[in-house]
N, C-alpha and C. Protein backbone atom coordinates (compact mmCIF):
# COMPACT_ATOMS: atom_id res chain seq x y z
N MET A 1 0.66 5.63 -15.41
CA MET A 1 -0.43 6.07 -14.56
C MET A 1 0.17 6.83 -13.39
N LEU A 2 -0.39 7.99 -13.12
CA LEU A 2 0.05 8.81 -12.02
C LEU A 2 -0.72 8.43 -10.76
N CYS A 3 -0.01 8.29 -9.64
CA CYS A 3 -0.69 8.00 -8.38
C CYS A 3 -0.08 8.85 -7.27
N PHE A 4 -0.79 8.91 -6.17
CA PHE A 4 -0.40 9.73 -5.03
C PHE A 4 -0.39 8.83 -3.81
N ILE A 5 0.70 8.87 -3.06
CA ILE A 5 0.90 7.94 -1.95
C ILE A 5 0.87 8.69 -0.62
N TYR A 6 0.12 8.11 0.31
CA TYR A 6 -0.02 8.67 1.66
C TYR A 6 0.33 7.58 2.66
N LYS A 7 0.88 7.99 3.79
CA LYS A 7 1.14 7.02 4.85
C LYS A 7 0.22 7.31 6.02
N SER A 8 -0.15 6.23 6.69
CA SER A 8 -0.98 6.33 7.89
C SER A 8 -0.09 6.78 9.04
N LEU A 9 -0.56 7.75 9.80
CA LEU A 9 0.17 8.17 10.99
C LEU A 9 -0.25 7.33 12.20
N LYS A 10 -1.25 6.48 11.99
CA LYS A 10 -1.76 5.62 13.05
C LYS A 10 -1.02 4.29 13.10
N LYS A 11 -0.70 3.74 11.92
CA LYS A 11 -0.05 2.43 11.85
C LYS A 11 1.17 2.53 10.95
N GLU A 12 2.31 2.15 11.49
CA GLU A 12 3.57 2.23 10.76
C GLU A 12 3.56 1.33 9.53
N GLU A 13 4.10 1.83 8.44
CA GLU A 13 4.26 1.12 7.16
C GLU A 13 2.93 0.72 6.51
N LEU A 14 1.87 1.46 6.80
CA LEU A 14 0.58 1.29 6.13
C LEU A 14 0.43 2.46 5.16
N TYR A 15 0.30 2.15 3.88
CA TYR A 15 0.27 3.19 2.84
C TYR A 15 -1.00 3.09 2.01
N LEU A 16 -1.42 4.23 1.52
CA LEU A 16 -2.59 4.33 0.65
C LEU A 16 -2.18 4.99 -0.65
N TYR A 17 -2.47 4.33 -1.77
CA TYR A 17 -2.23 4.89 -3.10
C TYR A 17 -3.59 5.32 -3.64
N VAL A 18 -3.70 6.52 -4.17
CA VAL A 18 -4.94 6.97 -4.79
C VAL A 18 -4.63 7.54 -6.17
N ASP A 19 -5.66 7.55 -7.02
CA ASP A 19 -5.45 8.03 -8.38
C ASP A 19 -5.63 9.54 -8.53
N LYS A 20 -6.16 10.21 -7.49
CA LYS A 20 -6.32 11.67 -7.52
C LYS A 20 -5.83 12.24 -6.21
N LYS A 21 -4.98 13.24 -6.28
CA LYS A 21 -4.38 13.81 -5.07
C LYS A 21 -5.46 14.35 -4.13
N ASP A 22 -5.34 13.99 -2.87
CA ASP A 22 -6.22 14.44 -1.79
C ASP A 22 -7.69 14.07 -2.00
N ASP A 23 -7.95 13.09 -2.86
CA ASP A 23 -9.33 12.65 -3.10
C ASP A 23 -9.47 11.22 -2.56
N PHE A 24 -10.14 11.11 -1.43
CA PHE A 24 -10.32 9.81 -0.77
C PHE A 24 -11.75 9.31 -0.91
N SER A 25 -12.51 9.90 -1.81
CA SER A 25 -13.93 9.59 -1.95
C SER A 25 -14.17 8.15 -2.43
N ALA A 26 -13.20 7.51 -3.06
CA ALA A 26 -13.38 6.14 -3.55
C ALA A 26 -13.29 5.11 -2.43
N LEU A 27 -12.72 5.49 -1.30
CA LEU A 27 -12.55 4.55 -0.18
C LEU A 27 -13.83 4.41 0.61
N PRO A 28 -14.17 3.17 1.00
CA PRO A 28 -15.29 3.00 1.92
C PRO A 28 -14.96 3.75 3.22
N GLU A 29 -15.96 4.34 3.83
CA GLU A 29 -15.74 5.20 4.99
C GLU A 29 -15.00 4.49 6.13
N ASN A 30 -15.40 3.23 6.41
CA ASN A 30 -14.74 2.51 7.51
C ASN A 30 -13.26 2.24 7.21
N LEU A 31 -12.92 1.98 5.96
CA LEU A 31 -11.53 1.78 5.58
C LEU A 31 -10.76 3.09 5.73
N PHE A 32 -11.33 4.16 5.23
CA PHE A 32 -10.68 5.47 5.34
C PHE A 32 -10.43 5.83 6.81
N ASN A 33 -11.43 5.60 7.65
CA ASN A 33 -11.29 5.93 9.08
C ASN A 33 -10.24 5.07 9.77
N SER A 34 -10.03 3.85 9.29
CA SER A 34 -9.05 2.97 9.92
C SER A 34 -7.61 3.45 9.74
N PHE A 35 -7.38 4.31 8.75
CA PHE A 35 -6.04 4.85 8.52
C PHE A 35 -5.66 5.90 9.55
N GLY A 36 -6.63 6.53 10.19
CA GLY A 36 -6.32 7.66 11.06
C GLY A 36 -5.88 8.82 10.19
N SER A 37 -5.01 9.66 10.70
CA SER A 37 -4.50 10.79 9.92
C SER A 37 -3.56 10.29 8.84
N LEU A 38 -3.62 10.93 7.68
CA LEU A 38 -2.75 10.56 6.56
C LEU A 38 -1.77 11.69 6.28
N GLN A 39 -0.57 11.32 5.88
CA GLN A 39 0.44 12.29 5.48
C GLN A 39 0.86 11.99 4.05
N PHE A 40 0.83 13.02 3.20
CA PHE A 40 1.26 12.85 1.81
C PHE A 40 2.74 12.50 1.78
N VAL A 41 3.08 11.47 1.00
CA VAL A 41 4.48 11.02 0.89
C VAL A 41 5.07 11.42 -0.45
N MET A 42 4.39 11.04 -1.55
CA MET A 42 4.95 11.34 -2.86
C MET A 42 3.94 11.13 -3.98
N GLU A 43 4.29 11.69 -5.12
CA GLU A 43 3.58 11.48 -6.38
C GLU A 43 4.46 10.54 -7.18
N LEU A 44 3.85 9.54 -7.82
CA LEU A 44 4.64 8.53 -8.51
C LEU A 44 3.99 8.15 -9.83
N GLN A 45 4.80 8.07 -10.87
CA GLN A 45 4.34 7.62 -12.19
C GLN A 45 4.53 6.11 -12.25
N LEU A 46 3.44 5.37 -12.37
CA LEU A 46 3.49 3.91 -12.44
C LEU A 46 3.41 3.43 -13.87
N SER A 47 4.13 2.37 -14.16
CA SER A 47 4.04 1.70 -15.47
C SER A 47 4.43 0.25 -15.25
N ALA A 48 4.12 -0.58 -16.22
CA ALA A 48 4.43 -2.00 -16.12
C ALA A 48 5.93 -2.24 -15.97
N GLU A 49 6.75 -1.34 -16.48
CA GLU A 49 8.20 -1.50 -16.42
C GLU A 49 8.79 -1.05 -15.08
N ARG A 50 8.03 -0.28 -14.32
CA ARG A 50 8.55 0.26 -13.05
C ARG A 50 8.45 -0.80 -11.95
N LYS A 51 9.50 -0.96 -11.21
CA LYS A 51 9.51 -1.88 -10.08
C LYS A 51 9.18 -1.11 -8.81
N LEU A 52 8.40 -1.72 -7.95
CA LEU A 52 8.12 -1.16 -6.63
C LEU A 52 8.81 -2.05 -5.60
N ALA A 53 9.20 -1.46 -4.49
CA ALA A 53 9.97 -2.19 -3.48
C ALA A 53 9.22 -3.38 -2.91
N ARG A 54 7.94 -3.19 -2.55
CA ARG A 54 7.23 -4.27 -1.86
C ARG A 54 5.92 -4.68 -2.52
N GLU A 55 5.58 -4.10 -3.62
CA GLU A 55 4.30 -4.40 -4.26
C GLU A 55 4.49 -4.75 -5.72
N ASP A 56 3.53 -5.51 -6.23
CA ASP A 56 3.49 -5.85 -7.66
C ASP A 56 2.83 -4.66 -8.37
N VAL A 57 3.57 -4.00 -9.23
CA VAL A 57 3.07 -2.79 -9.87
C VAL A 57 1.80 -3.07 -10.69
N GLY A 58 1.68 -4.26 -11.26
CA GLY A 58 0.48 -4.61 -12.02
C GLY A 58 -0.76 -4.63 -11.14
N LYS A 59 -0.63 -5.17 -9.93
CA LYS A 59 -1.75 -5.20 -8.99
C LYS A 59 -2.13 -3.80 -8.54
N VAL A 60 -1.12 -2.96 -8.32
CA VAL A 60 -1.39 -1.58 -7.90
C VAL A 60 -2.14 -0.84 -9.00
N ILE A 61 -1.66 -0.94 -10.21
CA ILE A 61 -2.31 -0.25 -11.34
C ILE A 61 -3.73 -0.77 -11.54
N ALA A 62 -3.92 -2.08 -11.49
CA ALA A 62 -5.25 -2.66 -11.67
C ALA A 62 -6.22 -2.17 -10.60
N SER A 63 -5.76 -2.10 -9.37
CA SER A 63 -6.61 -1.63 -8.28
C SER A 63 -6.94 -0.14 -8.44
N LEU A 64 -5.95 0.65 -8.83
CA LEU A 64 -6.20 2.08 -9.04
C LEU A 64 -7.21 2.29 -10.17
N GLU A 65 -7.09 1.50 -11.23
CA GLU A 65 -8.02 1.63 -12.36
C GLU A 65 -9.43 1.18 -12.00
N SER A 66 -9.55 0.10 -11.22
CA SER A 66 -10.88 -0.43 -10.92
C SER A 66 -11.54 0.20 -9.71
N LYS A 67 -10.74 0.53 -8.68
CA LYS A 67 -11.31 1.05 -7.44
C LYS A 67 -10.96 2.51 -7.16
N GLY A 68 -9.85 2.98 -7.74
CA GLY A 68 -9.39 4.34 -7.45
C GLY A 68 -8.44 4.41 -6.27
N PHE A 69 -8.11 3.25 -5.67
CA PHE A 69 -7.17 3.23 -4.55
C PHE A 69 -6.52 1.86 -4.43
N TYR A 70 -5.41 1.83 -3.68
CA TYR A 70 -4.71 0.58 -3.36
C TYR A 70 -4.15 0.73 -1.96
N VAL A 71 -4.27 -0.30 -1.14
CA VAL A 71 -3.76 -0.28 0.23
C VAL A 71 -2.52 -1.18 0.30
N GLN A 72 -1.41 -0.61 0.76
CA GLN A 72 -0.19 -1.38 0.98
C GLN A 72 -0.09 -1.64 2.47
N MET A 73 -0.24 -2.90 2.83
CA MET A 73 -0.20 -3.30 4.24
C MET A 73 1.24 -3.37 4.74
N PRO A 74 1.42 -3.23 6.06
CA PRO A 74 2.76 -3.38 6.63
C PRO A 74 3.28 -4.79 6.39
N PRO A 75 4.61 -4.95 6.31
CA PRO A 75 5.15 -6.30 6.13
C PRO A 75 4.86 -7.16 7.35
N VAL A 76 4.74 -8.45 7.11
CA VAL A 76 4.50 -9.39 8.20
C VAL A 76 5.85 -9.71 8.82
N MET A 77 5.93 -9.48 10.10
CA MET A 77 7.18 -9.76 10.82
C MET A 77 7.11 -11.16 11.42
N VAL A 78 8.02 -12.01 10.99
CA VAL A 78 8.08 -13.38 11.50
C VAL A 78 9.22 -13.45 12.52
N PRO A 79 8.92 -13.88 13.74
CA PRO A 79 9.98 -13.99 14.75
C PRO A 79 11.11 -14.90 14.26
N PRO A 80 12.36 -14.56 14.59
CA PRO A 80 13.50 -15.35 14.12
C PRO A 80 13.39 -16.84 14.43
N ALA A 81 12.91 -17.20 15.60
CA ALA A 81 12.79 -18.62 15.97
C ALA A 81 11.84 -19.35 15.02
N LEU A 82 10.77 -18.69 14.62
CA LEU A 82 9.81 -19.28 13.69
C LEU A 82 10.42 -19.44 12.31
N ARG A 83 11.22 -18.44 11.91
CA ARG A 83 11.89 -18.50 10.61
C ARG A 83 12.86 -19.69 10.57
N VAL A 84 13.62 -19.88 11.64
CA VAL A 84 14.56 -21.00 11.71
C VAL A 84 13.81 -22.33 11.65
N ALA A 85 12.73 -22.45 12.40
CA ALA A 85 11.93 -23.68 12.39
C ALA A 85 11.36 -23.93 10.99
N ASN A 86 10.89 -22.89 10.33
CA ASN A 86 10.35 -23.03 8.98
C ASN A 86 11.42 -23.49 8.01
N ASN A 87 12.62 -22.94 8.12
CA ASN A 87 13.73 -23.33 7.23
C ASN A 87 14.10 -24.79 7.41
N ARG A 88 13.98 -25.29 8.61
CA ARG A 88 14.30 -26.69 8.88
C ARG A 88 13.29 -27.64 8.22
N LEU A 89 12.08 -27.16 8.04
CA LEU A 89 11.04 -27.98 7.43
C LEU A 89 11.21 -28.08 5.92
N HIS A 90 11.91 -27.12 5.33
CA HIS A 90 12.02 -27.08 3.86
C HIS A 90 13.39 -27.37 3.39
């Protein structure tokens, strides 16, 4: 499956995958507006065998097929002190 990836210029590491280049019509208006300006990043061929750095490719493909888009949220940053405390609990 071919997809097109855009990054939000408003929020760092927020990405939008769409199934048609420059076609954002599948997104609800309020979601689209929350991205601010978008910059095209790349065109990517997705398949079950392809690994993505931070996303499950199956979820991305399923969302593109059902909704026409997928939103990749920025990673959650956990402060080091919280990480250490969490490690002590486990």
